[in-house]
């Protein structure tokens, strides 16, 4: 039986090739949609009751299995379609038409089975993923035995070459994905620098330790408990801090922490309860109203320390090293500043740790952390060997530099502006 000069088998073959091209386009578009779709957006839709979004999330949980099944189906229909069109052209035009059949099939697959469906899938990733998830989930289930065998075969071949794969390892961690999206969004002008810094600061808390942001022990205001009550009260009132550590005999021996309000309240109560005010103050023991000191290891991650502050209903801790020696102190405010930036109040001084000049250089405190400077200036100075700028200069110079000395490393010029004893107080930095 002939139709338009061709036998029925000819038209069946043409129809089969057409169907296979549609299936190839479906597989290509589904793969792109399911891998490009945002899991956070799908999760939001699933939370609102979208069964398709929930199904798409379930399908993409095992991406290796998903991609294996889609590639298996896609390669099968592409190879079958190519074989059919080659046989068709050979029958119609002769054996010399194999090259023509290959070129025609390459064009059809490229345009209608690759570029067209993938362009649509990228443009409408979430909606396309939801639509394709029902069929793809069935295909993944049906092809599971074959894909499982292929997985074992691939891992076996890689093992022969000394490459061991971990099936439980994510290709891209969620945290890294968020950080990358924020950085890209900032470069494209979509995300503001302040918003990026806040979110990245919160994400980095687990990777940073107390040691990196603590106030060094050389800068801690302390009070000797051997002083008279009047002197202690005077020092507390003169300080800009509400909590001050108390030490006995030497600053390493912290015996308590006094809160200015507790001290003032106890002092006023003592004075009002007796007529001989001077005599009452002479018998006053500051440890009676002091709090127990709270010590934390310098290696504690910042997110763990923040949880401990909230759990203990306090926000003041003394930092010690592995030998129990005092290294510094940290407050809840210090941790929050890593997220929201510098927090100032009426007692903070107006001296800025970083001052920019018109000629491009900056004047910065030596105690400023490298991470804070990188965030503020969009620089990329390394912080593996040192936490502060002073530490970085000393590490690179292999010496304690004098005022006026200049060093050049990592594409920057560092000039020591001020030094106090063995500490670098101020640096002038300019980019080369």
Protein backbone atom coordinates (compact mmCIF):
# COMPACT_ATOMS: atom_id res chain seq x y z
CA UNK A 1 0.00 0.00 0.00
CA UNK A 2 1.41 3.37 -1.05
CA UNK A 3 0.66 6.93 0.12
CA UNK A 4 1.98 9.89 -1.89
CA UNK A 5 4.33 7.56 -3.75
CA UNK A 6 5.83 5.97 -0.60
CA UNK A 7 5.00 2.71 1.14
CA UNK A 8 3.30 2.58 4.52
CA UNK A 9 6.55 1.47 6.21
CA UNK A 10 8.17 4.73 5.06
CA UNK A 11 5.57 6.86 6.81
CA UNK A 12 5.69 4.69 9.94
CA UNK A 13 9.46 5.24 10.07
CA UNK A 14 9.07 9.00 9.59
CA UNK A 15 6.44 9.13 12.33
CA UNK A 16 8.69 7.07 14.65
CA UNK A 17 11.61 9.46 14.08
CA UNK A 18 9.30 12.40 14.85
CA UNK A 19 8.14 10.78 18.12
CA UNK A 20 11.74 9.94 19.10
CA UNK A 21 12.78 13.56 18.54
CA UNK A 22 9.97 14.69 20.83
CA UNK A 23 11.11 12.20 23.49
CA UNK A 24 14.72 13.36 23.09
CA UNK A 25 13.62 16.96 23.57
CA UNK A 26 11.61 15.94 26.63
CA UNK A 27 14.60 14.18 28.21
CA UNK A 28 16.97 17.09 27.48
CA UNK A 29 14.55 19.72 28.75
CA UNK A 30 13.68 17.69 31.86
CA UNK A 31 17.33 17.20 32.76
CA UNK A 32 18.02 20.94 32.44
CA UNK A 33 14.87 21.94 34.34
CA UNK A 34 15.36 19.53 37.24
CA UNK A 35 19.04 20.41 37.69
CA UNK A 36 18.60 24.18 37.20
CA UNK A 37 15.47 24.57 39.31
CA UNK A 38 16.00 26.28 42.66
CA UNK A 39 15.35 23.79 45.46
CA UNK A 40 14.45 26.65 47.79
CA UNK A 41 11.72 27.82 45.38
CA UNK A 42 10.46 24.26 44.93
CA UNK A 43 10.41 23.84 48.71
CA UNK A 44 8.40 27.04 49.07
CA UNK A 45 5.86 25.78 46.51
CA UNK A 46 5.74 22.37 48.21
CA UNK A 47 5.06 24.05 51.56
CA UNK A 48 2.09 25.79 49.93
CA UNK A 49 0.65 22.43 48.88
CA UNK A 50 2.11 21.86 45.40
CA UNK A 51 2.32 18.09 44.88
CA UNK A 52 4.37 18.59 41.71
CA UNK A 53 6.98 20.64 43.55
CA UNK A 54 7.21 18.01 46.29
CA UNK A 55 7.63 15.33 43.63
CA UNK A 56 10.33 17.36 41.86
CA UNK A 57 12.22 17.74 45.16
CA UNK A 58 12.03 14.01 45.76
CA UNK A 59 13.30 13.23 42.25
CA UNK A 60 16.26 15.63 42.59
CA UNK A 61 17.34 14.27 45.98
CA UNK A 62 19.50 11.68 44.20
CA UNK A 63 20.92 13.67 41.30
CA UNK A 64 23.26 10.92 40.18
CA UNK A 65 20.36 8.52 39.79
CA UNK A 66 18.24 11.19 38.09
CA UNK A 67 20.90 12.18 35.56
CA UNK A 68 21.76 8.52 34.90
CA UNK A 69 18.14 7.66 34.10
CA UNK A 70 17.62 10.74 31.90
CA UNK A 71 20.86 10.17 29.99
CA UNK A 72 19.98 6.52 29.49
CA UNK A 73 16.60 7.42 27.99
CA UNK A 74 17.99 10.32 25.97
CA UNK A 75 20.84 8.32 24.44
CA UNK A 76 18.53 5.42 23.63
CA UNK A 77 16.03 7.54 21.68
CA UNK A 78 18.78 9.54 19.93
CA UNK A 79 20.63 6.42 18.78
CA UNK A 80 17.40 4.75 17.70
CA UNK A 81 16.28 7.86 15.77
CA UNK A 82 19.68 8.09 14.06
CA UNK A 83 19.56 4.42 13.08
CA UNK A 84 16.04 4.79 11.64
CA UNK A 85 16.80 7.90 9.56
CA UNK A 86 20.01 6.30 8.26
CA UNK A 87 18.07 3.19 7.17
CA UNK A 88 15.38 5.40 5.64
CA UNK A 89 17.81 7.53 3.62
CA UNK A 90 19.74 4.45 2.49
CA UNK A 91 16.55 2.85 1.21
CA UNK A 92 15.40 6.00 -0.61
CA UNK A 93 18.65 7.56 -1.84
CA UNK A 94 21.08 4.66 -1.81
CA UNK A 95 24.08 3.66 0.30
CA UNK A 96 25.94 6.92 -0.32
CA UNK A 97 23.37 8.89 1.74
CA UNK A 98 24.76 7.92 5.17
CA UNK A 99 26.62 11.23 5.50
CA UNK A 100 23.49 13.16 4.51
CA UNK A 101 21.42 11.25 7.07
CA UNK A 102 24.01 12.03 9.77
CA UNK A 103 24.01 15.75 8.96
CA UNK A 104 20.20 15.94 8.89
CA UNK A 105 19.86 14.07 12.17
CA UNK A 106 22.55 16.22 13.81
CA UNK A 107 20.65 19.36 12.82
CA UNK A 108 17.29 17.99 14.00
CA UNK A 109 18.68 16.82 17.37
CA UNK A 110 20.66 20.03 17.93
CA UNK A 111 17.74 22.38 17.24
CA UNK A 112 14.63 20.48 18.30
CA UNK A 113 15.99 18.03 20.90
CA UNK A 114 18.69 20.12 22.61
CA UNK A 115 18.71 23.92 22.15
CA UNK A 116 14.92 24.47 21.97
CA UNK A 117 13.86 22.39 25.02
CA UNK A 118 16.85 23.43 27.13
CA UNK A 119 16.26 27.12 26.40
CA UNK A 120 12.65 26.74 27.53
CA UNK A 121 13.72 24.76 30.59
CA UNK A 122 16.26 27.37 31.71
CA UNK A 123 13.74 30.18 31.20
CA UNK A 124 11.02 28.38 33.18
CA UNK A 125 13.06 26.06 35.38
CA UNK A 126 10.68 25.59 38.32
CA UNK A 127 7.47 25.26 36.30
CA UNK A 128 9.14 22.92 33.78
CA UNK A 129 10.56 20.80 36.59
CA UNK A 130 7.12 20.46 38.18
CA UNK A 131 5.53 19.45 34.86
CA UNK A 132 8.23 16.91 34.02
CA UNK A 133 8.57 15.41 37.49
CA UNK A 134 5.65 12.98 37.16
CA UNK A 135 6.96 11.25 34.02
CA UNK A 136 10.60 11.46 35.08
CA UNK A 137 9.86 9.88 38.47
CA UNK A 138 8.33 6.89 36.65
CA UNK A 139 11.32 6.64 34.31
CA UNK A 140 13.76 6.85 37.23
CA UNK A 141 11.87 4.00 38.94
CA UNK A 142 11.83 1.83 35.80
CA UNK A 143 15.48 2.42 34.93
CA UNK A 144 16.70 2.04 38.54
CA UNK A 145 18.22 -1.46 38.07
CA UNK A 146 20.12 -0.47 34.91
CA UNK A 147 21.29 2.84 36.40
CA UNK A 148 22.41 1.03 39.57
CA UNK A 149 24.49 -1.39 37.50
CA UNK A 150 26.02 1.50 35.53
CA UNK A 151 26.87 3.28 38.80
CA UNK A 152 28.75 0.23 40.08
CA UNK A 153 30.51 -0.20 36.76
CA UNK A 154 31.62 3.47 36.67
CA UNK A 155 32.86 3.41 40.26
CA UNK A 156 34.69 0.17 39.58
CA UNK A 157 36.48 1.67 36.58
CA UNK A 158 37.37 4.81 38.58
CA UNK A 159 38.62 2.63 41.42
CA UNK A 160 41.01 0.89 39.03
CA UNK A 161 42.56 4.32 38.34
CA UNK A 162 42.80 5.13 42.05
CA UNK A 163 39.77 7.45 42.17
CA UNK A 164 37.34 6.80 45.02
CA UNK A 165 33.91 8.47 44.89
CA UNK A 166 31.69 9.18 47.87
CA UNK A 167 28.01 8.79 46.95
CA UNK A 168 26.97 10.84 49.98
CA UNK A 169 29.08 13.87 49.10
CA UNK A 170 27.20 16.84 47.71
CA UNK A 171 28.73 18.35 44.61
CA UNK A 172 27.99 21.84 45.89
CA UNK A 173 27.20 22.51 49.54
CA UNK A 174 24.20 24.67 50.31
CA UNK A 175 26.34 27.17 52.20
CA UNK A 176 28.77 27.56 49.30
CA UNK A 177 25.86 27.86 46.90
CA UNK A 178 24.35 30.73 48.92
CA UNK A 179 27.71 32.47 49.26
CA UNK A 180 28.35 32.16 45.53
CA UNK A 181 24.90 33.49 44.67
CA UNK A 182 25.39 36.49 46.98
CA UNK A 183 28.82 37.30 45.55
CA UNK A 184 27.53 37.03 41.99
CA UNK A 185 24.45 39.12 42.85
CA UNK A 186 26.67 41.83 44.35
CA UNK A 187 28.88 41.93 41.25
CA UNK A 188 25.79 42.28 39.06
CA UNK A 189 24.39 45.06 41.24
CA UNK A 190 21.40 43.06 42.46
CA UNK A 191 22.53 42.57 46.07
CA UNK A 192 23.77 45.50 48.18
CA UNK A 193 27.19 45.15 49.81
CA UNK A 194 25.74 45.57 53.31
CA UNK A 195 23.18 42.81 52.73
CA UNK A 196 25.83 40.50 51.32
CA UNK A 197 28.16 41.13 54.27
CA UNK A 198 25.43 40.49 56.84
CA UNK A 199 24.39 37.16 55.35
CA UNK A 200 27.96 36.01 54.72
CA UNK A 201 28.87 37.06 58.25
CA UNK A 202 26.12 34.85 59.66
CA UNK A 203 27.17 31.93 57.43
CA UNK A 204 30.81 32.24 58.52
CA UNK A 205 30.16 31.99 62.27
CA UNK A 206 30.62 28.21 62.26
CA UNK A 207 34.01 28.53 60.53
CA UNK A 208 35.44 31.22 62.80
CA UNK A 209 36.66 30.93 66.36
CA UNK A 210 36.57 33.11 69.47
CA UNK A 211 40.30 33.76 69.12
CA UNK A 212 39.78 35.69 65.87
CA UNK A 213 37.55 38.44 67.27
CA UNK A 214 38.30 38.55 71.00
CA UNK A 215 39.64 41.66 72.71
CA UNK A 216 43.29 40.91 73.50
CA UNK A 217 44.26 40.73 77.15
CA UNK A 218 46.58 43.74 76.76
CA UNK A 219 43.53 45.92 76.09
CA UNK A 220 41.27 44.61 78.86
CA UNK A 221 40.36 47.01 81.66
CA UNK A 222 40.71 45.20 85.00
CA UNK A 223 40.35 46.08 88.66
CA UNK A 224 42.53 44.87 91.51
CA UNK A 225 40.35 43.64 94.39
CA UNK A 226 42.98 44.85 96.87
CA UNK A 227 41.91 48.44 96.14
CA UNK A 228 39.54 50.20 98.49
CA UNK A 229 35.82 50.20 97.76
CA UNK A 230 35.97 53.90 96.97
CA UNK A 231 38.77 53.37 94.42
CA UNK A 232 36.95 50.43 92.83
CA UNK A 233 33.77 52.47 92.57
CA UNK A 234 35.69 55.38 91.03
CA UNK A 235 37.32 53.10 88.42
CA UNK A 236 33.99 51.52 87.51
CA UNK A 237 32.31 54.90 87.05
CA UNK A 238 35.23 56.21 84.98
CA UNK A 239 35.18 53.20 82.65
CA UNK A 240 33.10 53.11 79.48
CA UNK A 241 32.32 49.41 80.16
CA UNK A 242 29.60 48.10 82.42
CA UNK A 243 31.39 44.81 83.22
CA UNK A 244 34.97 44.67 84.43
CA UNK A 245 37.06 41.63 85.44
CA UNK A 246 38.45 41.53 88.96
CA UNK A 247 41.88 40.07 89.64
CA UNK A 248 43.83 39.15 92.72
CA UNK A 249 47.60 39.78 92.95
CA UNK A 250 48.21 39.49 89.18
CA UNK A 251 46.04 40.06 86.08
CA UNK A 252 46.20 36.37 85.16
CA UNK A 253 44.26 35.43 88.29
CA UNK A 254 40.69 36.50 87.49
CA UNK A 255 38.45 35.95 90.50
CA UNK A 256 35.22 37.62 89.39
CA UNK A 257 33.42 40.05 87.12
CA UNK A 258 31.78 43.17 88.53
CA UNK A 259 28.79 44.86 86.96
CA UNK A 260 28.79 48.62 87.48
CA UNK A 261 25.07 48.64 88.26
CA UNK A 262 25.43 45.88 90.87
CA UNK A 263 28.34 47.72 92.46
CA UNK A 264 26.52 51.04 92.54
CA UNK A 265 23.36 49.44 93.92
CA UNK A 266 25.27 47.63 96.71
CA UNK A 267 27.29 50.74 97.57
CA UNK A 268 24.22 52.99 97.81
CA UNK A 269 22.42 50.40 99.92
CA UNK A 270 25.38 50.14 102.27
CA UNK A 271 25.71 53.92 102.65
CA UNK A 272 22.01 54.44 103.28
CA UNK A 273 21.88 51.70 105.91
CA UNK A 274 24.52 53.24 108.17
CA UNK A 275 25.37 56.64 109.52
CA UNK A 276 29.13 56.13 109.32
CA UNK A 277 29.48 56.03 105.53
CA UNK A 278 33.29 56.02 105.43
CA UNK A 279 33.51 53.15 107.90
CA UNK A 280 30.84 51.19 105.99
CA UNK A 281 32.77 51.46 102.71
CA UNK A 282 35.98 50.33 104.39
CA UNK A 283 34.37 46.97 105.25
CA UNK A 284 32.80 46.53 101.82
CA UNK A 285 33.93 43.38 99.94
CA UNK A 286 33.55 43.72 96.17
CA UNK A 287 33.50 39.92 95.71
CA UNK A 288 30.17 39.80 97.56
CA UNK A 289 28.45 41.43 94.57
CA UNK A 290 30.73 40.11 91.80
CA UNK A 291 29.71 37.41 89.36
CA UNK A 292 31.61 34.18 88.83
CA UNK A 293 33.98 34.50 85.87
CA UNK A 294 32.93 32.56 82.78
CA UNK A 295 35.88 31.07 80.85
CA UNK A 296 35.77 29.73 77.29
CA UNK A 297 38.46 28.10 75.12
CA UNK A 298 39.95 30.26 72.37
CA UNK A 299 39.11 27.57 69.78
CA UNK A 300 35.34 27.72 70.38
CA UNK A 301 33.40 28.36 67.13
CA UNK A 302 31.50 31.64 67.16
CA UNK A 303 28.10 30.07 66.53
CA UNK A 304 28.59 27.69 69.49
CA UNK A 305 29.65 30.59 71.70
CA UNK A 306 26.62 32.62 70.69
CA UNK A 307 24.35 29.72 71.65
CA UNK A 308 26.13 29.44 75.01
CA UNK A 309 25.65 33.16 75.66
CA UNK A 310 21.94 32.85 74.96
CA UNK A 311 21.64 29.67 77.02
CA UNK A 312 23.46 31.11 80.04
CA UNK A 313 21.66 34.49 79.80
CA UNK A 314 24.97 36.34 79.77
CA UNK A 315 27.09 38.01 77.13
CA UNK A 316 30.55 38.35 78.69
CA UNK A 317 33.23 35.64 78.71
CA UNK A 318 36.97 35.45 79.36
CA UNK A 319 39.02 33.57 76.78
CA UNK A 320 41.78 31.15 77.79
CA UNK A 321 44.22 29.01 75.83
CA UNK A 322 44.89 25.29 76.18
CA UNK A 323 47.01 25.92 79.30
CA UNK A 324 44.31 27.99 80.99
CA UNK A 325 46.20 31.26 80.52
CA UNK A 326 44.10 34.35 79.90
CA UNK A 327 44.13 35.45 76.25
CA UNK A 328 41.31 38.00 76.05
CA UNK A 329 37.60 38.50 76.42
CA UNK A 330 34.62 38.25 74.13
CA UNK A 331 31.06 39.56 74.35
CA UNK A 332 27.84 38.77 72.55
CA UNK A 333 28.12 42.20 70.93
CA UNK A 334 31.44 41.17 69.35
CA UNK A 335 29.75 38.21 67.67
CA UNK A 336 26.76 40.27 66.54
CA UNK A 337 29.14 42.82 65.01
CA UNK A 338 30.44 40.08 62.73
CA UNK A 339 26.96 39.98 61.21
CA UNK A 340 25.57 43.53 61.35
CA UNK A 341 28.81 45.53 61.42
CA UNK A 342 30.19 47.88 64.04
CA UNK A 343 27.77 48.68 66.90
CA UNK A 344 28.46 51.98 68.64
CA UNK A 345 26.85 53.76 71.56
CA UNK A 346 27.29 57.03 73.45
CA UNK A 347 30.35 55.67 75.28
CA UNK A 348 32.29 54.62 72.18
CA UNK A 349 34.97 56.96 70.92
CA UNK A 350 34.75 58.55 67.48
CA UNK A 351 38.20 57.28 66.44
CA UNK A 352 37.73 55.19 63.34
CA UNK A 353 39.81 52.04 62.92
CA UNK A 354 39.98 52.71 59.18
CA UNK A 355 40.43 56.08 57.49
CA UNK A 356 40.49 56.42 53.71
CA UNK A 357 42.56 59.15 52.03
CA UNK A 358 41.99 60.88 48.70
CA UNK A 359 45.14 59.46 47.11
CA UNK A 360 43.88 55.89 47.48
CA UNK A 361 45.70 54.74 50.61
CA UNK A 362 44.06 53.96 53.95
CA UNK A 363 45.20 54.42 57.54
CA UNK A 364 44.13 51.45 59.64
CA UNK A 365 44.68 50.15 63.18
CA UNK A 366 47.08 47.23 63.42
CA UNK A 367 44.54 45.30 65.47
CA UNK A 368 41.90 45.31 62.73
CA UNK A 369 41.22 41.80 61.51
CA UNK A 370 42.17 40.91 57.95
CA UNK A 371 38.67 39.60 57.34
CA UNK A 372 37.06 42.91 58.34
CA UNK A 373 39.43 44.85 56.07
CA UNK A 374 38.74 42.50 53.16
CA UNK A 375 35.01 42.98 53.61
CA UNK A 376 35.28 46.74 53.92
CA UNK A 377 37.64 47.29 50.98
CA UNK A 378 36.67 44.36 48.73
CA UNK A 379 40.23 43.04 49.03
CA UNK A 380 41.51 39.49 49.26
CA UNK A 381 44.41 39.52 51.71
CA UNK A 382 45.14 36.02 53.11
CA UNK A 383 44.25 35.31 56.73
CA UNK A 384 45.58 31.77 57.13
CA UNK A 385 48.75 32.78 59.02
CA UNK A 386 47.44 35.76 61.00
CA UNK A 387 44.13 37.23 62.16
CA UNK A 388 45.11 40.91 62.30
CA UNK A 389 46.94 43.24 59.94
CA UNK A 390 49.75 43.71 62.45
CA UNK A 391 50.14 39.95 62.66
CA UNK A 392 50.22 39.67 58.86
CA UNK A 393 52.98 42.30 58.57
CA UNK A 394 55.05 40.68 61.33
CA UNK A 395 54.59 37.24 59.76
CA UNK A 396 55.65 38.40 56.31
CA UNK A 397 58.51 40.63 57.56
CA UNK A 398 59.77 37.94 59.97
CA UNK A 399 60.53 40.75 62.42
CA UNK A 400 58.91 43.47 64.52
CA UNK A 401 59.22 46.51 62.21
CA UNK A 402 60.04 50.05 63.26
CA UNK A 403 58.04 53.17 62.49
CA UNK A 404 58.48 54.27 58.89
CA UNK A 405 59.45 50.86 57.55
CA UNK A 406 57.74 49.86 54.30
CA UNK A 407 56.91 46.35 53.05
CA UNK A 408 55.37 45.16 49.81
CA UNK A 409 53.56 41.84 49.53
CA UNK A 410 50.36 40.43 48.01
CA UNK A 411 50.16 43.44 45.70
CA UNK A 412 49.93 45.99 48.57
CA UNK A 413 52.28 48.51 50.15
CA UNK A 414 52.35 48.47 53.97
CA UNK A 415 53.94 51.33 55.90
CA UNK A 416 54.24 51.26 59.69
CA UNK A 417 52.87 54.61 60.87
CA UNK A 418 52.88 54.08 64.64
CA UNK A 419 54.35 51.50 67.00
CA UNK A 420 54.03 51.19 70.77
CA UNK A 421 56.58 48.93 72.43
CA UNK A 422 56.37 45.71 70.39
CA UNK A 423 52.91 46.37 68.95
CA UNK A 424 52.12 47.87 65.56
CA UNK A 425 49.45 50.49 66.28
CA UNK A 426 48.78 52.07 62.87
CA UNK A 427 49.46 51.08 59.27
CA UNK A 428 49.25 52.92 55.98
CA UNK A 429 48.14 50.57 53.21
CA UNK A 430 47.83 51.25 49.50
CA UNK A 431 47.14 48.96 46.59
CA UNK A 432 49.87 48.77 43.95
